[in-house]
PDB file of N, CA and C in Angstrom:
ATOM      1  N   MET A   1      26.354 152.113 -24.706  1.00  0.00           N
ATOM      2  CA  MET A   1      27.108 153.034 -25.189  1.00  0.00           C
ATOM      3  C   MET A   1      28.537 152.492 -25.587  1.00  0.00           C
ATOM      4  N   ASN A   2      28.694 152.802 -26.895  1.00  0.00           N
ATOM      5  CA  ASN A   2      29.887 152.129 -27.758  1.00  0.00           C
ATOM      6  C   ASN A   2      31.053 153.033 -27.416  1.00  0.00           C
ATOM      7  N   ARG A   3      32.231 152.541 -27.898  1.00  0.00           N
ATOM      8  CA  ARG A   3      33.643 152.829 -27.783  1.00  0.00           C
ATOM      9  C   ARG A   3      33.688 154.357 -28.353  1.00  0.00           C
ATOM     10  N   ALA A   4      33.163 154.656 -29.463  1.00  0.00           N
ATOM     11  CA  ALA A   4      33.224 156.084 -30.056  1.00  0.00           C
ATOM     12  C   ALA A   4      32.514 156.979 -29.210  1.00  0.00           C
ATOM     13  N   GLN A   5      31.234 156.637 -28.786  1.00  0.00           N
ATOM     14  CA  GLN A   5      30.483 157.584 -27.995  1.00  0.00           C
ATOM     15  C   GLN A   5      31.340 157.814 -26.770  1.00  0.00           C
ATOM     16  N   ARG A   6      31.900 156.923 -26.145  1.00  0.00           N
ATOM     17  CA  ARG A   6      32.512 156.981 -24.906  1.00  0.00           C
ATOM     18  C   ARG A   6      33.512 158.117 -24.877  1.00  0.00           C
ATOM     19  N   ARG A   7      34.383 158.020 -26.206  1.00  0.00           N
ATOM     20  CA  ARG A   7      35.619 158.716 -26.474  1.00  0.00           C
ATOM     21  C   ARG A   7      35.229 160.054 -26.659  1.00  0.00           C
ATOM     22  N   THR A   8      34.233 160.250 -27.639  1.00  0.00           N
ATOM     23  CA  THR A   8      33.675 161.840 -28.034  1.00  0.00           C
ATOM     24  C   THR A   8      32.829 162.354 -27.032  1.00  0.00           C
ATOM     25  N   GLY A   9      32.148 161.536 -26.248  1.00  0.00           N
ATOM     26  CA  GLY A   9      31.042 162.187 -25.399  1.00  0.00           C
ATOM     27  C   GLY A   9      29.858 162.584 -26.130  1.00  0.00           C
ATOM     28  N   PHE A  10      29.826 162.162 -27.397  1.00  0.00           N
ATOM     29  CA  PHE A  10      28.533 162.445 -27.975  1.00  0.00           C
ATOM     30  C   PHE A  10      27.518 161.485 -28.294  1.00  0.00           C
ATOM     31  N   SER A  11      26.478 161.556 -27.983  1.00  0.00           N
ATOM     32  CA  SER A  11      25.360 160.526 -27.989  1.00  0.00           C
ATOM     33  C   SER A  11      24.215 161.153 -28.913  1.00  0.00           C
ATOM     34  N   PRO A  12      24.278 160.875 -30.264  1.00  0.00           N
ATOM     35  CA  PRO A  12      23.130 161.504 -31.091  1.00  0.00           C
ATOM     36  C   PRO A  12      21.717 160.929 -30.702  1.00  0.00           C
ATOM     37  N   SER A  13      20.675 161.707 -31.028  1.00  0.00           N
ATOM     38  CA  SER A  13      19.594 161.279 -30.901  1.00  0.00           C
ATOM     39  C   SER A  13      19.119 160.093 -32.144  1.00  0.00           C
ATOM     40  N   LEU A  14      19.717 160.305 -33.367  1.00  0.00           N
ATOM     41  CA  LEU A  14      19.593 159.289 -34.388  1.00  0.00           C
ATOM     42  C   LEU A  14      20.944 158.408 -34.236  1.00  0.00           C
ATOM     43  N   PRO A  15      20.875 157.230 -33.874  1.00  0.00           N
ATOM     44  CA  PRO A  15      22.178 156.483 -33.456  1.00  0.00           C
ATOM     45  C   PRO A  15      22.973 156.275 -34.884  1.00  0.00           C
ATOM     46  N   TRP A  16      22.155 156.094 -36.229  1.00  0.00           N
ATOM     47  CA  TRP A  16      22.612 155.849 -37.420  1.00  0.00           C
ATOM     48  C   TRP A  16      23.550 157.082 -37.840  1.00  0.00           C
ATOM     49  N   VAL A  17      23.139 158.407 -37.607  1.00  0.00           N
ATOM     50  CA  VAL A  17      23.791 159.628 -38.150  1.00  0.00           C
ATOM     51  C   VAL A  17      25.223 159.519 -37.512  1.00  0.00           C
ATOM     52  N   GLY A  18      25.263 159.257 -36.207  1.00  0.00           N
ATOM     53  CA  GLY A  18      26.501 159.380 -35.577  1.00  0.00           C
ATOM     54  C   GLY A  18      27.806 158.403 -36.126  1.00  0.00           C
ATOM     55  N   GLY A  19      27.334 157.356 -36.730  1.00  0.00           N
ATOM     56  CA  GLY A  19      28.272 156.302 -37.373  1.00  0.00           C
ATOM     57  C   GLY A  19      28.683 156.868 -38.765  1.00  0.00           C
ATOM     58  N   LEU A  20      28.164 157.862 -39.375  1.00  0.00           N
ATOM     59  CA  LEU A  20      28.376 158.187 -40.709  1.00  0.00           C
ATOM     60  C   LEU A  20      29.555 158.904 -40.930  1.00  0.00           C
ATOM     61  N   LYS A  21      30.349 158.902 -41.836  1.00  0.00           N
ATOM     62  CA  LYS A  21      31.685 159.833 -42.205  1.00  0.00           C
ATOM     63  C   LYS A  21      31.194 161.220 -42.381  1.00  0.00           C
ATOM     64  N   PRO A  22      31.858 162.147 -41.942  1.00  0.00           N
ATOM     65  CA  PRO A  22      31.507 163.556 -42.038  1.00  0.00           C
ATOM     66  C   PRO A  22      31.234 164.144 -43.374  1.00  0.00           C
ATOM     67  N   ALA A  23      31.799 163.650 -44.365  1.00  0.00           N
ATOM     68  CA  ALA A  23      31.382 163.870 -45.818  1.00  0.00           C
ATOM     69  C   ALA A  23      30.076 163.213 -46.275  1.00  0.00           C
ATOM     70  N   LEU A  24      29.817 162.303 -45.806  1.00  0.00           N
ATOM     71  CA  LEU A  24      28.452 161.420 -45.915  1.00  0.00           C
ATOM     72  C   LEU A  24      27.383 162.345 -45.250  1.00  0.00           C
ATOM     73  N   ARG A  25      27.841 162.620 -44.004  1.00  0.00           N
ATOM     74  CA  ARG A  25      26.849 163.671 -43.169  1.00  0.00           C
ATOM     75  C   ARG A  25      26.431 164.832 -43.937  1.00  0.00           C
ATOM     76  N   LEU A  26      27.405 165.613 -44.374  1.00  0.00           N
ATOM     77  CA  LEU A  26      27.464 166.861 -45.220  1.00  0.00           C
ATOM     78  C   LEU A  26      26.496 166.543 -46.291  1.00  0.00           C
ATOM     79  N   ALA A  27      26.666 165.458 -47.059  1.00  0.00           N
ATOM     80  CA  ALA A  27      25.747 165.243 -48.250  1.00  0.00           C
ATOM     81  C   ALA A  27      24.385 165.015 -47.806  1.00  0.00           C
ATOM     82  N   LEU A  28      24.359 164.114 -46.882  1.00  0.00           N
ATOM     83  CA  LEU A  28      22.762 163.976 -46.345  1.00  0.00           C
ATOM     84  C   LEU A  28      22.182 165.339 -45.824  1.00  0.00           C
ATOM     85  N   PHE A  29      22.916 166.226 -45.095  1.00  0.00           N
ATOM     86  CA  PHE A  29      22.382 167.484 -44.774  1.00  0.00           C
ATOM     87  C   PHE A  29      22.150 168.284 -45.830  1.00  0.00           C
ATOM     88  N   ALA A  30      22.932 168.307 -46.958  1.00  0.00           N
ATOM     89  CA  ALA A  30      22.446 169.108 -48.261  1.00  0.00           C
ATOM     90  C   ALA A  30      21.423 168.481 -48.929  1.00  0.00           C
ATOM     91  N   LEU A  31      21.149 167.188 -49.133  1.00  0.00           N
ATOM     92  CA  LEU A  31      20.046 166.756 -49.681  1.00  0.00           C
ATOM     93  C   LEU A  31      18.615 167.334 -48.857  1.00  0.00           C
ATOM     94  N   VAL A  32      18.740 166.940 -47.698  1.00  0.00           N
ATOM     95  CA  VAL A  32      17.779 167.365 -46.719  1.00  0.00           C
ATOM     96  C   VAL A  32      17.283 168.939 -47.131  1.00  0.00           C
ATOM     97  N   ALA A  33      18.197 169.797 -47.206  1.00  0.00           N
ATOM     98  CA  ALA A  33      18.188 171.155 -47.161  1.00  0.00           C
ATOM     99  C   ALA A  33      17.591 171.500 -48.456  1.00  0.00           C
ATOM    100  N   ALA A  34      17.908 170.629 -49.652  1.00  0.00           N
ATOM    101  CA  ALA A  34      17.623 171.023 -51.093  1.00  0.00           C
ATOM    102  C   ALA A  34      16.074 170.696 -51.401  1.00  0.00           C
ATOM    103  N   LEU A  35      15.886 169.514 -50.625  1.00  0.00           N
ATOM    104  CA  LEU A  35      14.510 168.904 -50.728  1.00  0.00           C
ATOM    105  C   LEU A  35      13.291 169.604 -50.058  1.00  0.00           C
ATOM    106  N   ALA A  36      13.703 170.279 -49.025  1.00  0.00           N
ATOM    107  CA  ALA A  36      12.735 171.071 -47.976  1.00  0.00           C
ATOM    108  C   ALA A  36      12.093 172.200 -48.833  1.00  0.00           C
ATOM    109  N   GLN A  37      10.602 172.034 -48.369  1.00  0.00           N
ATOM    110  CA  GLN A  37       9.560 173.038 -48.964  1.00  0.00           C
ATOM    111  C   GLN A  37      10.049 174.508 -48.370  1.00  0.00           C
ATOM    112  N   PRO A  38       9.797 175.443 -49.039  1.00  0.00           N
ATOM    113  CA  PRO A  38      10.087 176.928 -48.634  1.00  0.00           C
ATOM    114  C   PRO A  38       8.897 177.119 -47.747  1.00  0.00           C
ATOM    115  N   ALA A  39       9.223 178.037 -46.579  1.00  0.00           N
ATOM    116  CA  ALA A  39       8.124 178.485 -45.800  1.00  0.00           C
ATOM    117  C   ALA A  39       7.482 179.711 -46.360  1.00  0.00           C
ATOM    118  N   LEU A  40       6.269 179.543 -46.348  1.00  0.00           N
ATOM    119  CA  LEU A  40       5.512 180.851 -47.072  1.00  0.00           C
ATOM    120  C   LEU A  40       4.715 181.515 -46.042  1.00  0.00           C
ATOM    121  N   ALA A  41       4.901 182.848 -46.049  1.00  0.00           N
ATOM    122  CA  ALA A  41       4.016 183.672 -45.076  1.00  0.00           C
ATOM    123  C   ALA A  41       2.545 183.528 -45.361  1.00  0.00           C
ATOM    124  N   CYS A  42       1.645 183.620 -44.298  1.00  0.00           N
ATOM    125  CA  CYS A  42       0.320 183.700 -44.688  1.00  0.00           C
ATOM    126  C   CYS A  42      -0.078 185.123 -45.065  1.00  0.00           C
ATOM    127  N   ALA A  43      -1.483 185.307 -45.295  1.00  0.00           N
ATOM    128  CA  ALA A  43      -1.862 186.738 -45.709  1.00  0.00           C
ATOM    129  C   ALA A  43      -1.729 187.790 -44.640  1.00  0.00           C
ATOM    130  N   VAL A  44      -1.840 187.307 -43.149  1.00  0.00           N
ATOM    131  CA  VAL A  44      -1.658 188.090 -41.925  1.00  0.00           C
ATOM    132  C   VAL A  44      -0.301 188.350 -41.919  1.00  0.00           C
ATOM    133  N   CYS A  45       0.507 187.497 -41.845  1.00  0.00           N
ATOM    134  CA  CYS A  45       2.241 187.888 -41.706  1.00  0.00           C
ATOM    135  C   CYS A  45       2.667 188.640 -42.885  1.00  0.00           C
ATOM    136  N   TYR A  46       2.103 188.289 -44.192  1.00  0.00           N
ATOM    137  CA  TYR A  46       2.702 189.200 -45.212  1.00  0.00           C
ATOM    138  C   TYR A  46       2.157 190.456 -45.182  1.00  0.00           C
ATOM    139  N   GLY A  47       1.028 190.876 -44.807  1.00  0.00           N
ATOM    140  CA  GLY A  47       0.408 192.122 -44.743  1.00  0.00           C
ATOM    141  C   GLY A  47      -0.406 192.612 -45.854  1.00  0.00           C
ATOM    142  N   ALA A  48      -1.121 191.644 -46.522  1.00  0.00           N
ATOM    143  CA  ALA A  48      -2.348 191.993 -47.306  1.00  0.00           C
ATOM    144  C   ALA A  48      -3.325 192.757 -46.960  1.00  0.00           C
ATOM    145  N   PRO A  49      -3.580 193.921 -47.089  1.00  0.00           N
ATOM    146  CA  PRO A  49      -4.428 194.680 -46.235  1.00  0.00           C
ATOM    147  C   PRO A  49      -5.905 194.428 -46.651  1.00  0.00           C
ATOM    148  N   GLY A  50      -6.278 194.056 -47.603  1.00  0.00           N
ATOM    149  CA  GLY A  50      -7.693 193.576 -48.267  1.00  0.00           C
ATOM    150  C   GLY A  50      -8.006 192.284 -47.948  1.00  0.00           C
ATOM    151  N   ASP A  51      -7.359 191.371 -47.463  1.00  0.00           N
ATOM    152  CA  ASP A  51      -7.501 190.146 -47.113  1.00  0.00           C
ATOM    153  C   ASP A  51      -8.654 189.683 -46.047  1.00  0.00           C
ATOM    154  N   PRO A  52      -9.435 188.847 -46.052  1.00  0.00           N
ATOM    155  CA  PRO A  52     -10.398 188.656 -45.130  1.00  0.00           C
ATOM    156  C   PRO A  52      -9.965 188.337 -43.895  1.00  0.00           C
ATOM    157  N   MET A  53      -8.835 187.314 -43.871  1.00  0.00           N
ATOM    158  CA  MET A  53      -8.024 187.025 -42.766  1.00  0.00           C
ATOM    159  C   MET A  53      -7.558 188.347 -41.871  1.00  0.00           C
ATOM    160  N   VAL A  54      -6.867 189.180 -42.560  1.00  0.00           N
ATOM    161  CA  VAL A  54      -6.418 190.329 -41.985  1.00  0.00           C
ATOM    162  C   VAL A  54      -7.301 191.131 -41.430  1.00  0.00           C
ATOM    163  N   LYS A  55      -8.663 191.148 -42.191  1.00  0.00           N
ATOM    164  CA  LYS A  55      -9.640 192.008 -41.454  1.00  0.00           C
ATOM    165  C   LYS A  55     -10.359 191.297 -40.259  1.00  0.00           C
ATOM    166  N   GLY A  56     -10.305 189.913 -40.212  1.00  0.00           N
ATOM    167  CA  GLY A  56     -10.745 189.372 -38.974  1.00  0.00           C
ATOM    168  C   GLY A  56      -9.916 189.474 -37.910  1.00  0.00           C
ATOM    169  N   MET A  57      -8.513 189.415 -38.095  1.00  0.00           N
ATOM    170  CA  MET A  57      -7.358 189.589 -37.157  1.00  0.00           C
ATOM    171  C   MET A  57      -7.881 191.104 -36.475  1.00  0.00           C
ATOM    172  N   ASN A  58      -7.902 192.051 -37.332  1.00  0.00           N
ATOM    173  CA  ASN A  58      -7.880 193.457 -36.629  1.00  0.00           C
ATOM    174  C   ASN A  58      -9.094 193.465 -35.991  1.00  0.00           C
ATOM    175  N   ASN A  59     -10.357 192.833 -36.590  1.00  0.00           N
ATOM    176  CA  ASN A  59     -11.714 193.008 -35.734  1.00  0.00           C
ATOM    177  C   ASN A  59     -11.403 192.250 -34.226  1.00  0.00           C
ATOM    178  N   GLY A  60     -10.589 191.141 -34.224  1.00  0.00           N
ATOM    179  CA  GLY A  60     -10.377 190.384 -33.287  1.00  0.00           C
ATOM    180  C   GLY A  60      -9.584 191.341 -32.009  1.00  0.00           C
ATOM    181  N   ILE A  61      -8.662 192.316 -32.739  1.00  0.00           N
ATOM    182  CA  ILE A  61      -7.698 193.220 -31.836  1.00  0.00           C
ATOM    183  C   ILE A  61      -8.748 194.078 -31.103  1.00  0.00           C
ATOM    184  N   TRP A  62      -9.720 194.781 -32.055  1.00  0.00           N
ATOM    185  CA  TRP A  62     -10.591 195.817 -31.537  1.00  0.00           C
ATOM    186  C   TRP A  62     -11.476 195.181 -30.505  1.00  0.00           C
ATOM    187  N   VAL A  63     -11.883 194.002 -30.540  1.00  0.00           N
ATOM    188  CA  VAL A  63     -12.823 193.334 -29.795  1.00  0.00           C
ATOM    189  C   VAL A  63     -12.076 193.197 -28.331  1.00  0.00           C
ATOM    190  N   LEU A  64     -10.705 192.665 -28.366  1.00  0.00           N
ATOM    191  CA  LEU A  64     -10.054 192.516 -27.099  1.00  0.00           C
ATOM    192  C   LEU A  64      -9.671 193.937 -26.377  1.00  0.00           C
ATOM    193  N   LEU A  65      -9.424 194.952 -27.452  1.00  0.00           N
ATOM    194  CA  LEU A  65      -9.124 196.270 -26.633  1.00  0.00           C
ATOM    195  C   LEU A  65     -10.586 196.761 -25.978  1.00  0.00           C
ATOM    196  N   GLY A  66     -11.658 196.476 -26.800  1.00  0.00           N
ATOM    197  CA  GLY A  66     -12.890 196.882 -25.993  1.00  0.00           C
ATOM    198  C   GLY A  66     -13.039 196.380 -24.749  1.00  0.00           C
ATOM    199  N   LEU A  67     -12.747 194.924 -24.655  1.00  0.00           N
ATOM    200  CA  LEU A  67     -13.029 194.055 -23.533  1.00  0.00           C
ATOM    201  C   LEU A  67     -12.269 194.766 -22.484  1.00  0.00           C
ATOM    202  N   VAL A  68     -10.873 194.864 -22.741  1.00  0.00           N
ATOM    203  CA  VAL A  68      -9.915 195.618 -21.671  1.00  0.00           C
ATOM    204  C   VAL A  68     -10.639 196.977 -21.130  1.00  0.00           C
ATOM    205  N   ALA A  69     -11.052 197.815 -22.178  1.00  0.00           N
ATOM    206  CA  ALA A  69     -11.632 199.091 -21.834  1.00  0.00           C
ATOM    207  C   ALA A  69     -12.882 199.027 -21.011  1.00  0.00           C
ATOM    208  N   PHE A  70     -13.733 197.989 -21.232  1.00  0.00           N
ATOM    209  CA  PHE A  70     -14.877 197.701 -20.585  1.00  0.00           C
ATOM    210  C   PHE A  70     -14.577 197.283 -18.971  1.00  0.00           C
ATOM    211  N   VAL A  71     -13.594 196.387 -19.036  1.00  0.00           N
ATOM    212  CA  VAL A  71     -13.146 195.924 -17.598  1.00  0.00           C
ATOM    213  C   VAL A  71     -12.725 197.241 -16.800  1.00  0.00           C
ATOM    214  N   GLN A  72     -11.677 198.175 -17.254  1.00  0.00           N
ATOM    215  CA  GLN A  72     -11.410 199.143 -16.640  1.00  0.00           C
ATOM    216  C   GLN A  72     -12.292 200.177 -16.319  1.00  0.00           C
ATOM    217  N   LEU A  73     -13.184 200.530 -17.189  1.00  0.00           N
ATOM    218  CA  LEU A  73     -14.383 201.236 -16.668  1.00  0.00           C
ATOM    219  C   LEU A  73     -15.225 200.635 -15.662  1.00  0.00           C
ATOM    220  N   GLY A  74     -15.282 199.413 -15.383  1.00  0.00           N
ATOM    221  CA  GLY A  74     -16.059 198.858 -14.452  1.00  0.00           C
ATOM    222  C   GLY A  74     -15.197 198.940 -13.089  1.00  0.00           C
ATOM    223  N   PHE A  75     -13.841 198.999 -13.107  1.00  0.00           N
ATOM    224  CA  PHE A  75     -13.199 199.489 -11.917  1.00  0.00           C
ATOM    225  C   PHE A  75     -13.338 200.804 -11.463  1.00  0.00           C
ATOM    226  N   VAL A  76     -13.233 201.647 -12.535  1.00  0.00           N
ATOM    227  CA  VAL A  76     -13.441 203.141 -12.314  1.00  0.00           C
ATOM    228  C   VAL A  76     -14.924 203.471 -11.582  1.00  0.00           C
ATOM    229  N   ALA A  77     -15.941 202.721 -12.346  1.00  0.00           N
ATOM    230  CA  ALA A  77     -17.250 202.839 -11.781  1.00  0.00           C
ATOM    231  C   ALA A  77     -17.316 202.258 -10.196  1.00  0.00           C
ATOM    232  N   MET A  78     -16.619 201.112  -9.874  1.00  0.00           N
ATOM    233  CA  MET A  78     -16.531 200.509  -8.671  1.00  0.00           C
ATOM    234  C   MET A  78     -16.128 201.596  -7.750  1.00  0.00           C
ATOM    235  N   PHE A  79     -14.952 201.926  -7.977  1.00  0.00           N
ATOM    236  CA  PHE A  79     -14.270 202.902  -7.082  1.00  0.00           C
ATOM    237  C   PHE A  79     -15.069 204.398  -6.879  1.00  0.00           C
ATOM    238  N   TRP A  80     -15.670 204.765  -7.885  1.00  0.00           N
ATOM    239  CA  TRP A  80     -16.368 206.032  -7.849  1.00  0.00           C
ATOM    240  C   TRP A  80     -17.585 205.547  -7.092  1.00  0.00           C
ATOM    241  N   SER A  81     -18.254 204.654  -7.005  1.00  0.00           N
ATOM    242  CA  SER A  81     -19.287 204.248  -6.160  1.00  0.00           C
ATOM    243  C   SER A  81     -18.778 204.103  -4.591  1.00  0.00           C
ATOM    244  N   PHE A  82     -17.581 203.696  -4.286  1.00  0.00           N
ATOM    245  CA  PHE A  82     -17.035 203.560  -3.282  1.00  0.00           C
ATOM    246  C   PHE A  82     -16.758 204.882  -2.489  1.00  0.00           C
ATOM    247  N   TRP A  83     -16.369 205.728  -3.325  1.00  0.00           N
ATOM    248  CA  TRP A  83     -16.099 207.070  -3.133  1.00  0.00           C
ATOM    249  C   TRP A  83     -17.401 208.035  -2.611  1.00  0.00           C
ATOM    250  N   ARG A  84     -18.594 207.916  -3.487  1.00  0.00           N
ATOM    251  CA  ARG A  84     -20.020 208.319  -3.288  1.00  0.00           C
ATOM    252  C   ARG A  84     -20.510 207.671  -1.936  1.00  0.00           C
ATOM    253  N   ARG A  85     -20.331 206.544  -1.698  1.00  0.00           N
ATOM    254  CA  ARG A  85     -21.072 205.947  -0.426  1.00  0.00           C
ATOM    255  C   ARG A  85     -20.398 206.141   0.667  1.00  0.00           C
ATOM    256  N   ALA A  86     -19.013 206.512   0.550  1.00  0.00           N
ATOM    257  CA  ALA A  86     -18.170 207.092   1.830  1.00  0.00           C
ATOM    258  C   ALA A  86     -18.621 208.613   2.133  1.00  0.00           C
ATOM    259  N   ARG A  87     -18.683 209.328   1.015  1.00  0.00           N
ATOM    260  CA  ARG A  87     -19.166 210.782   1.152  1.00  0.00           C
ATOM    261  C   ARG A  87     -20.605 210.870   1.840  1.00  0.00           C
ATOM    262  N   GLU A  88     -21.411 209.882   1.294  1.00  0.00           N
ATOM    263  CA  GLU A  88     -22.724 209.901   1.970  1.00  0.00           C
ATOM    264  C   GLU A  88     -22.831 209.632   3.538  1.00  0.00           C
ATOM    265  N   GLN A  89     -21.866 208.493   3.752  1.00  0.00           N
ATOM    266  CA  GLN A  89     -21.771 208.105   5.087  1.00  0.00           C
ATOM    267  C   GLN A  89     -21.310 209.038   5.923  1.00  0.00           C
ATOM    268  N   ARG A  90     -20.370 209.819   5.471  1.00  0.00           N
ATOM    269  CA  ARG A  90     -19.640 210.972   6.241  1.00  0.00           C
ATOM    270  C   ARG A  90     -20.670 211.814   6.752  1.00  0.00           C
ATOM    271  N   ARG A  91     -21.427 212.284   5.488  1.00  0.00           N
ATOM    272  CA  ARG A  91     -22.529 213.364   5.623  1.00  0.00           C
ATOM    273  C   ARG A  91     -23.406 212.940   6.875  1.00  0.00           C
ATOM    274  N   PHE A  92     -24.027 211.683   6.638  1.00  0.00           N
ATOM    275  CA  PHE A  92     -24.898 211.233   7.849  1.00  0.00           C
ATOM    276  C   PHE A  92     -24.422 211.205   9.170  1.00  0.00           C
ATOM    277  N   ARG A  93     -23.166 210.769   9.137  1.00  0.00           N
ATOM    278  CA  ARG A  93     -22.601 210.812  10.541  1.00  0.00           C
ATOM    279  C   ARG A  93     -22.274 212.411  11.073  1.00  0.00           C
ATOM    280  N   GLU A  94     -21.982 213.224  10.349  1.00  0.00           N
ATOM    281  CA  GLU A  94     -21.819 214.492  10.718  1.00  0.00           C
ATOM    282  C   GLU A  94     -23.280 215.107  10.883  1.00  0.00           C
ATOM    283  N   SER A  95     -24.179 214.701  10.316  1.00  0.00           N
ATOM    284  CA  SER A  95     -25.513 215.184  10.704  1.00  0.00           C
ATOM    285  C   SER A  95     -26.192 214.834  12.088  1.00  0.00           C
ATOM    286  N   LEU A  96     -25.762 213.864  12.656  1.00  0.00           N
ATOM    287  CA  LEU A  96     -26.124 213.229  13.932  1.00  0.00           C
ATOM    288  C   LEU A  96     -25.546 214.217  14.946  1.00  0.00           C
ATOM    289  N   ARG A  97     -26.271 214.490  15.968  1.00  0.00           N
ATOM    290  CA  ARG A  97     -25.819 215.284  17.236  1.00  0.00           C
ATOM    291  C   ARG A  97     -25.651 214.556  18.234  1.00  0.00           C
ATOM    292  N   VAL A  98     -24.734 214.758  18.883  1.00  0.00           N
ATOM    293  CA  VAL A  98     -24.304 214.198  20.186  1.00  0.00           C
ATOM    294  C   VAL A  98     -24.990 215.009  21.412  1.00  0.00           C
ATOM    295  N   ILE A  99     -25.803 214.326  22.143  1.00  0.00           N
ATOM    296  CA  ILE A  99     -26.329 215.228  23.121  1.00  0.00           C
ATOM    297  C   ILE A  99     -25.547 215.138  24.357  1.00  0.00           C
ATOM    298  N   GLU A 100     -24.932 216.295  24.689  1.00  0.00           N
ATOM    299  CA  GLU A 100     -23.921 216.684  25.703  1.00  0.00           C
ATOM    300  C   GLU A 100     -24.683 216.642  27.223  1.00  0.00           C
ATOM    301  N   GLY A 101     -24.262 216.275  28.065  1.00  0.00           N
ATOM    302  CA  GLY A 101     -24.899 216.401  29.469  1.00  0.00           C
ATOM    303  C   GLY A 101     -25.606 215.112  29.683  1.00  0.00           C
ATOM    304  N   GLY A 102     -26.739 214.905  29.128  1.00  0.00           N
ATOM    305  CA  GLY A 102     -27.467 213.542  29.450  1.00  0.00           C
ATOM    306  C   GLY A 102     -28.158 214.005  30.667  1.00  0.00           C
ATOM    307  N   SER A 103     -28.630 212.990  31.320  1.00  0.00           N
ATOM    308  CA  SER A 103     -29.479 213.027  32.413  1.00  0.00           C
ATOM    309  C   SER A 103     -28.502 212.843  33.643  1.00  0.00           C
ATOM    310  N   ARG A 104     -28.915 213.766  34.731  1.00  0.00           N
ATOM    311  CA  ARG A 104     -27.988 213.622  35.737  1.00  0.00           C
ATOM    312  C   ARG A 104     -28.703 213.249  36.985  1.00  0.00           C
ATOM    313  N   ARG A 105     -28.340 212.000  37.406  1.00  0.00           N
ATOM    314  CA  ARG A 105     -29.144 211.224  38.555  1.00  0.00           C
ATOM    315  C   ARG A 105     -28.087 211.241  39.759  1.00  0.00           C
TER     316      ARG A 105
END
């Protein structure tokens, strides 16, 4: 750590940038900003309704929604079968008669 870094407490990730004068730093930043490529949105982000990529994304959403619905229906079916089995078991237990008295010896 050199004297300037100790004084300012600033340790840049690019050591050569910290040693530049502020005007030169600003000029370097302006050059990088001017040469940067613009970020263009894809068809999905832009919202082109007829694009195959958008149709594929919509189909993927429907498949995932269908999968969630299928799993939820599976849980409903499982709990319904538990309820039906418990009802049948309760009816079976109620149909049994307990013999009162038994043998007296």
